Protein backbone atom coordinates (compact mmCIF):
# COMPACT_ATOMS: atom_id res chain seq x y z
CA MET A 1 -28.27 -50.48 -28.46
CA ILE A 2 -28.96 -46.80 -27.73
CA VAL A 3 -32.17 -45.25 -29.07
CA ILE A 4 -32.48 -41.48 -29.38
CA THR A 5 -36.02 -40.18 -29.71
CA GLY A 6 -36.59 -36.91 -31.55
CA ALA A 7 -33.25 -37.60 -33.23
CA SER A 8 -33.90 -35.34 -36.22
CA GLY A 9 -34.57 -32.34 -33.99
CA GLN A 10 -32.06 -29.63 -33.15
CA LEU A 11 -30.87 -31.25 -29.93
CA GLY A 12 -31.25 -34.81 -31.19
CA GLN A 13 -28.95 -34.32 -34.15
CA HIS A 14 -26.23 -33.01 -31.83
CA VAL A 15 -26.71 -36.03 -29.57
CA ILE A 16 -26.21 -38.38 -32.52
CA THR A 17 -23.05 -36.51 -33.52
CA GLU A 18 -21.66 -36.72 -29.98
CA LEU A 19 -22.52 -40.40 -29.65
CA LEU A 20 -20.71 -41.20 -32.89
CA LYS A 21 -17.54 -40.01 -31.14
CA LYS A 22 -18.07 -42.49 -28.31
CA THR A 23 -19.67 -45.64 -29.72
CA ALA A 24 -20.03 -47.62 -32.92
CA VAL A 25 -22.64 -46.42 -35.39
CA SER A 26 -24.14 -49.92 -35.35
CA ASN A 27 -25.03 -49.28 -31.71
CA LEU A 28 -27.28 -46.32 -32.50
CA VAL A 29 -30.92 -45.92 -33.51
CA ALA A 30 -32.38 -42.57 -34.52
CA ALA A 31 -36.07 -42.67 -33.63
CA VAL A 32 -37.90 -39.99 -35.59
CA ARG A 33 -41.47 -39.06 -36.46
CA ASN A 34 -40.69 -38.52 -40.13
CA VAL A 35 -38.17 -40.98 -41.54
CA GLY A 36 -37.93 -38.99 -44.76
CA LYS A 37 -36.47 -36.04 -42.84
CA ALA A 38 -33.71 -38.15 -41.32
CA GLN A 39 -31.95 -39.39 -44.41
CA HIS A 40 -28.86 -37.40 -43.48
CA LEU A 41 -28.62 -39.57 -40.36
CA ALA A 42 -29.12 -42.74 -42.38
CA ALA A 43 -26.30 -41.56 -44.65
CA LEU A 44 -24.01 -41.65 -41.62
CA GLY A 45 -24.89 -45.30 -41.11
CA VAL A 46 -27.29 -44.69 -38.24
CA GLN A 47 -30.33 -46.94 -38.23
CA VAL A 48 -33.44 -44.77 -38.59
CA ARG A 49 -36.79 -45.97 -37.23
CA GLU A 50 -40.20 -44.33 -37.16
CA ALA A 51 -41.26 -43.26 -33.67
CA ASP A 52 -44.32 -41.05 -33.21
CA TYR A 53 -45.02 -40.12 -29.59
CA ASP A 54 -48.75 -40.22 -30.38
CA ARG A 55 -48.64 -43.73 -31.91
CA PRO A 56 -47.54 -46.38 -29.41
CA ASP A 57 -47.25 -49.08 -32.10
CA THR A 58 -44.40 -47.17 -33.73
CA LEU A 59 -42.65 -46.87 -30.36
CA ASP A 60 -42.66 -50.62 -29.79
CA SER A 61 -40.96 -51.25 -33.12
CA ALA A 62 -38.56 -48.33 -32.66
CA PHE A 63 -37.44 -49.59 -29.25
CA ARG A 64 -36.90 -53.20 -30.33
CA GLY A 65 -33.53 -54.37 -28.97
CA ALA A 66 -32.93 -51.14 -27.04
CA GLU A 67 -30.80 -51.20 -23.91
CA LYS A 68 -30.87 -47.45 -23.32
CA ILE A 69 -33.28 -44.75 -24.47
CA LEU A 70 -32.91 -40.99 -24.48
CA LEU A 71 -36.35 -39.42 -24.29
CA ILE A 72 -35.95 -35.94 -25.70
CA SER A 73 -38.93 -33.98 -24.45
CA SER A 74 -41.64 -33.29 -26.99
CA SER A 75 -41.91 -29.83 -28.52
CA ALA A 76 -45.72 -30.03 -28.24
CA VAL A 77 -46.12 -27.92 -25.11
CA GLY A 78 -49.42 -28.84 -23.44
CA GLN A 79 -49.40 -32.33 -24.93
CA ARG A 80 -46.15 -33.58 -23.49
CA VAL A 81 -47.50 -35.62 -20.59
CA PRO A 82 -49.56 -38.16 -22.60
CA GLN A 83 -46.89 -38.30 -25.31
CA HIS A 84 -44.14 -38.98 -22.81
CA ARG A 85 -46.30 -41.57 -21.05
CA ASN A 86 -46.52 -43.45 -24.34
CA VAL A 87 -42.72 -43.46 -24.59
CA ILE A 88 -42.25 -44.56 -20.98
CA ALA A 89 -44.74 -47.41 -21.37
CA ALA A 90 -43.02 -48.59 -24.56
CA ALA A 91 -39.61 -48.38 -22.85
CA LYS A 92 -40.94 -50.53 -20.02
CA ARG A 93 -42.30 -53.08 -22.49
CA ALA A 94 -38.88 -53.13 -24.14
CA GLY A 95 -37.21 -53.77 -20.77
CA VAL A 96 -34.56 -51.10 -21.22
CA LYS A 97 -31.71 -50.79 -18.73
CA LEU A 98 -31.80 -46.99 -18.69
CA ILE A 99 -34.18 -44.23 -19.72
CA ALA A 100 -32.65 -40.76 -19.76
CA TYR A 101 -34.95 -37.73 -20.02
CA THR A 102 -34.26 -34.13 -21.00
CA SER A 103 -36.03 -32.22 -18.24
CA VAL A 104 -35.62 -28.65 -17.01
CA LEU A 105 -33.30 -27.07 -14.44
CA ARG A 106 -34.48 -27.76 -10.87
CA ALA A 107 -37.71 -29.26 -12.19
CA GLU A 108 -39.07 -30.13 -8.74
CA THR A 109 -39.04 -26.52 -7.50
CA SER A 110 -38.91 -24.40 -10.66
CA VAL A 111 -41.45 -21.58 -11.04
CA LEU A 112 -41.27 -21.87 -14.83
CA GLY A 113 -44.64 -22.63 -16.36
CA LEU A 114 -42.81 -25.11 -18.56
CA ALA A 115 -41.68 -27.07 -15.53
CA GLU A 116 -45.04 -28.63 -14.66
CA GLU A 117 -45.09 -31.07 -17.57
CA HIS A 118 -41.49 -32.00 -16.79
CA ARG A 119 -42.37 -32.62 -13.13
CA VAL A 120 -45.17 -34.97 -14.15
CA THR A 121 -42.97 -36.83 -16.61
CA GLU A 122 -40.20 -37.23 -14.04
CA ALA A 123 -42.75 -38.69 -11.62
CA ASP A 124 -44.03 -41.05 -14.32
CA ILE A 125 -40.50 -42.24 -15.05
CA ARG A 126 -39.83 -42.91 -11.36
CA ALA A 127 -43.12 -44.78 -11.06
CA SER A 128 -42.23 -46.97 -14.06
CA GLY A 129 -39.56 -48.79 -12.07
CA LEU A 130 -37.04 -48.36 -14.88
CA PRO A 131 -33.48 -47.23 -14.10
CA TYR A 132 -33.38 -43.55 -15.00
CA THR A 133 -31.36 -40.38 -15.33
CA MET A 134 -32.91 -36.91 -15.41
CA LEU A 135 -30.92 -34.50 -17.52
CA ARG A 136 -32.27 -31.22 -16.17
CA ASN A 137 -31.15 -28.87 -18.90
CA GLY A 138 -30.93 -25.14 -18.37
CA TRP A 139 -31.59 -22.52 -21.04
CA TYR A 140 -30.04 -22.74 -24.50
CA LEU A 141 -27.77 -19.97 -25.77
CA GLU A 142 -29.50 -20.50 -29.11
CA ASN A 143 -32.71 -19.14 -27.58
CA TYR A 144 -31.04 -15.75 -28.00
CA ALA A 145 -28.36 -16.26 -30.66
CA GLU A 146 -30.81 -17.63 -33.23
CA HIS A 147 -33.20 -14.70 -32.89
CA LEU A 148 -30.99 -11.69 -33.47
CA ASP A 149 -32.63 -10.30 -36.62
CA PRO A 150 -35.36 -8.30 -34.83
CA VAL A 151 -32.85 -7.18 -32.20
CA LEU A 152 -30.53 -5.80 -34.88
CA ALA A 153 -33.40 -4.35 -36.90
CA HIS A 154 -34.94 -2.43 -34.00
CA GLY A 155 -31.88 -1.85 -31.82
CA ALA A 156 -33.43 -3.45 -28.77
CA VAL A 157 -33.73 -6.62 -26.76
CA LEU A 158 -37.24 -6.81 -25.32
CA GLY A 159 -38.06 -8.71 -22.17
CA ALA A 160 -39.47 -8.91 -18.68
CA ALA A 161 -36.55 -10.52 -16.85
CA GLY A 162 -35.38 -7.44 -14.98
CA GLU A 163 -31.90 -8.12 -13.63
CA GLY A 164 -32.48 -11.88 -13.57
CA ARG A 165 -29.52 -13.91 -14.75
CA VAL A 166 -29.46 -16.75 -17.27
CA SER A 167 -26.91 -19.57 -17.02
CA ALA A 168 -27.25 -20.78 -20.59
CA ALA A 169 -25.18 -23.31 -22.50
CA ALA A 170 -25.15 -24.40 -26.13
CA ARG A 171 -27.19 -27.30 -27.48
CA VAL A 172 -23.97 -29.12 -28.25
CA ASP A 173 -23.00 -28.88 -24.57
CA TYR A 174 -26.24 -30.50 -23.41
CA ALA A 175 -25.93 -33.07 -26.22
CA ALA A 176 -22.42 -33.97 -25.11
CA ALA A 177 -23.70 -34.44 -21.56
CA ALA A 178 -26.43 -36.79 -22.79
CA ALA A 179 -23.89 -38.78 -24.80
CA ALA A 180 -21.63 -39.05 -21.76
CA VAL A 181 -24.47 -40.42 -19.63
CA LEU A 182 -25.62 -42.86 -22.30
CA THR A 183 -22.12 -44.30 -22.75
CA ALA A 184 -20.94 -44.17 -19.14
CA PRO A 185 -19.15 -47.39 -18.07
CA ALA A 186 -20.87 -47.22 -14.68
CA ALA A 187 -24.43 -46.33 -13.75
CA PRO A 188 -24.91 -42.57 -14.08
CA GLU A 189 -26.43 -40.40 -11.38
CA ALA A 190 -30.21 -40.22 -11.11
CA VAL A 191 -30.35 -36.44 -11.56
CA TYR A 192 -28.02 -33.92 -13.17
CA GLU A 193 -28.68 -30.18 -12.81
CA LEU A 194 -27.13 -28.80 -15.99
CA ALA A 195 -26.41 -25.16 -16.84
CA GLY A 196 -23.79 -22.93 -18.40
CA GLU A 197 -20.76 -21.91 -16.37
CA THR A 198 -21.28 -18.20 -16.94
CA SER A 199 -24.49 -16.24 -16.51
CA PHE A 200 -25.77 -13.00 -17.99
CA SER A 201 -28.65 -10.59 -17.69
CA LEU A 202 -30.65 -9.46 -20.72
CA ALA A 203 -29.03 -6.04 -20.35
CA GLU A 204 -25.65 -7.76 -20.68
CA LEU A 205 -26.99 -9.70 -23.67
CA ALA A 206 -27.92 -6.41 -25.34
CA ALA A 207 -24.52 -4.92 -24.54
CA GLU A 208 -22.70 -7.92 -26.02
CA VAL A 209 -24.78 -7.81 -29.21
CA ALA A 210 -23.97 -4.09 -29.45
CA ARG A 211 -20.26 -4.71 -28.93
CA GLN A 212 -20.03 -7.40 -31.58
CA SER A 213 -22.37 -5.84 -34.14
CA GLY A 214 -21.20 -2.27 -33.77
CA LYS A 215 -24.81 -1.14 -33.48
CA GLU A 216 -26.59 0.62 -30.65
CA ILE A 217 -28.61 -2.03 -28.83
CA VAL A 218 -30.51 -1.44 -25.59
CA TYR A 219 -32.52 -3.65 -23.28
CA ASN A 220 -36.14 -2.59 -22.85
CA ASP A 221 -37.48 -4.18 -19.69
CA MET A 222 -41.22 -4.21 -19.11
CA PRO A 223 -43.87 -5.95 -16.99
CA GLN A 224 -44.71 -9.50 -18.01
CA ALA A 225 -48.21 -8.63 -19.26
CA GLN A 226 -46.87 -5.81 -21.40
CA PHE A 227 -44.14 -8.02 -22.86
CA LYS A 228 -46.72 -10.66 -23.76
CA SER A 229 -48.90 -7.99 -25.41
CA VAL A 230 -45.97 -6.76 -27.48
CA LEU A 231 -45.22 -10.31 -28.60
CA LEU A 232 -48.84 -10.83 -29.63
CA GLU A 233 -48.83 -7.52 -31.53
CA ILE A 234 -45.87 -8.61 -33.63
CA GLY A 235 -47.50 -11.90 -34.53
CA VAL A 236 -46.14 -14.35 -31.98
CA PRO A 237 -48.74 -17.10 -31.37
CA GLU A 238 -50.55 -17.02 -28.01
CA THR A 239 -48.94 -20.18 -26.67
CA MET A 240 -45.42 -19.01 -27.52
CA ALA A 241 -46.08 -15.48 -26.24
CA GLN A 242 -47.20 -16.94 -22.92
CA LEU A 243 -44.17 -19.22 -22.78
CA LEU A 244 -41.69 -16.45 -23.53
CA SER A 245 -43.21 -13.93 -21.14
CA ASP A 246 -43.50 -16.51 -18.37
CA SER A 247 -39.89 -17.59 -18.90
CA ASP A 248 -38.68 -14.02 -18.55
CA ALA A 249 -40.75 -13.43 -15.44
CA SER A 250 -39.37 -16.66 -14.00
CA ALA A 251 -35.82 -15.61 -14.88
CA LYS A 252 -36.43 -12.48 -12.82
CA LEU A 253 -37.01 -14.82 -9.88
CA GLY A 254 -33.82 -16.78 -10.54
CA ALA A 255 -35.30 -19.78 -12.36
CA LEU A 256 -32.76 -19.70 -15.19
CA GLU A 257 -29.62 -19.25 -13.10
CA GLY A 258 -27.62 -22.27 -11.97
CA SER A 259 -24.21 -23.83 -11.50
CA GLY A 260 -22.29 -25.06 -14.53
CA ALA A 261 -20.18 -27.50 -12.49
CA ALA A 262 -22.14 -30.66 -13.35
CA LEU A 263 -22.28 -29.90 -17.06
CA ARG A 264 -18.58 -29.12 -17.27
CA ALA A 265 -17.75 -32.31 -15.37
CA LEU A 266 -19.83 -34.44 -17.75
CA ILE A 267 -18.45 -32.97 -20.97
CA GLY A 268 -14.86 -32.51 -19.78
CA ARG A 269 -14.47 -28.97 -21.11
CA PRO A 270 -15.78 -25.45 -20.49
CA THR A 271 -19.31 -24.72 -21.64
CA ALA A 272 -19.88 -22.29 -24.50
CA THR A 273 -20.16 -18.62 -23.62
CA LEU A 274 -22.66 -16.00 -24.72
CA ALA A 275 -19.92 -14.14 -26.58
CA GLU A 276 -19.00 -17.27 -28.53
CA ALA A 277 -22.60 -18.02 -29.43
CA LEU A 278 -23.27 -14.47 -30.62
CA LYS A 279 -20.04 -14.38 -32.62
CA ALA A 280 -21.02 -17.55 -34.49
CA ALA A 281 -24.55 -16.31 -35.09
CA LEU A 282 -23.47 -12.90 -36.38
CA LYS A 283 -21.18 -14.52 -38.93
CA LYS A 284 -24.10 -16.27 -40.62
């Protein structure tokens, strides 16, 4: 039995969809914090179980009978380490044969502020003694494609990434990679560095939005501190403003650029492109 934590989230739902192409629905468990919000998964025949990262008792019941677990990293930045430790401990009690974890590209050496919690969780997984696979996911195309309204309204992409390049892929690409690992006939590799096959700068992002929308869009690059201040001024919460500004500054240093070879090999097709993601988003 394969258990997907965070299964009602944006990535988790894609993972369920991809797994349904590869294994019987009776082999899947969607572990979610709010069962009421996962009825669409239950309607597909997927068994839905409550699993709250902050409540270990729910994890024990959610992991009952599990052979493999996909730990989708918590969205609670700053609280991930203790939450993930609860999941790892429950997985160990369940005696699973594989725990796969959605980490971040080059977690061991990344300058991303986000990487520290991932580094700690990876270390905790290794220390658990459980067989593991680290799915070190790069940036999501949706990080840009789902936030086009202010870009179109103001005619500008704002950032602090300079000429740094982003090798992003779509959520469905990373989900397909997770499904491939979870259903592999042989033991998967311990670490996969996953990224999109093509990279782009934020200036190229702005140019592509302009091309497809027919509007004048420019990229306004600024120092990290200034970018964070702008984000705070427009109402972005402090934690998110810090995350976004740090991510851009890290991109400037190459943290978001990588090879798409491993991801393409796992999913057996090309990864989605920026142009494709923007085209789909602009149609909505």
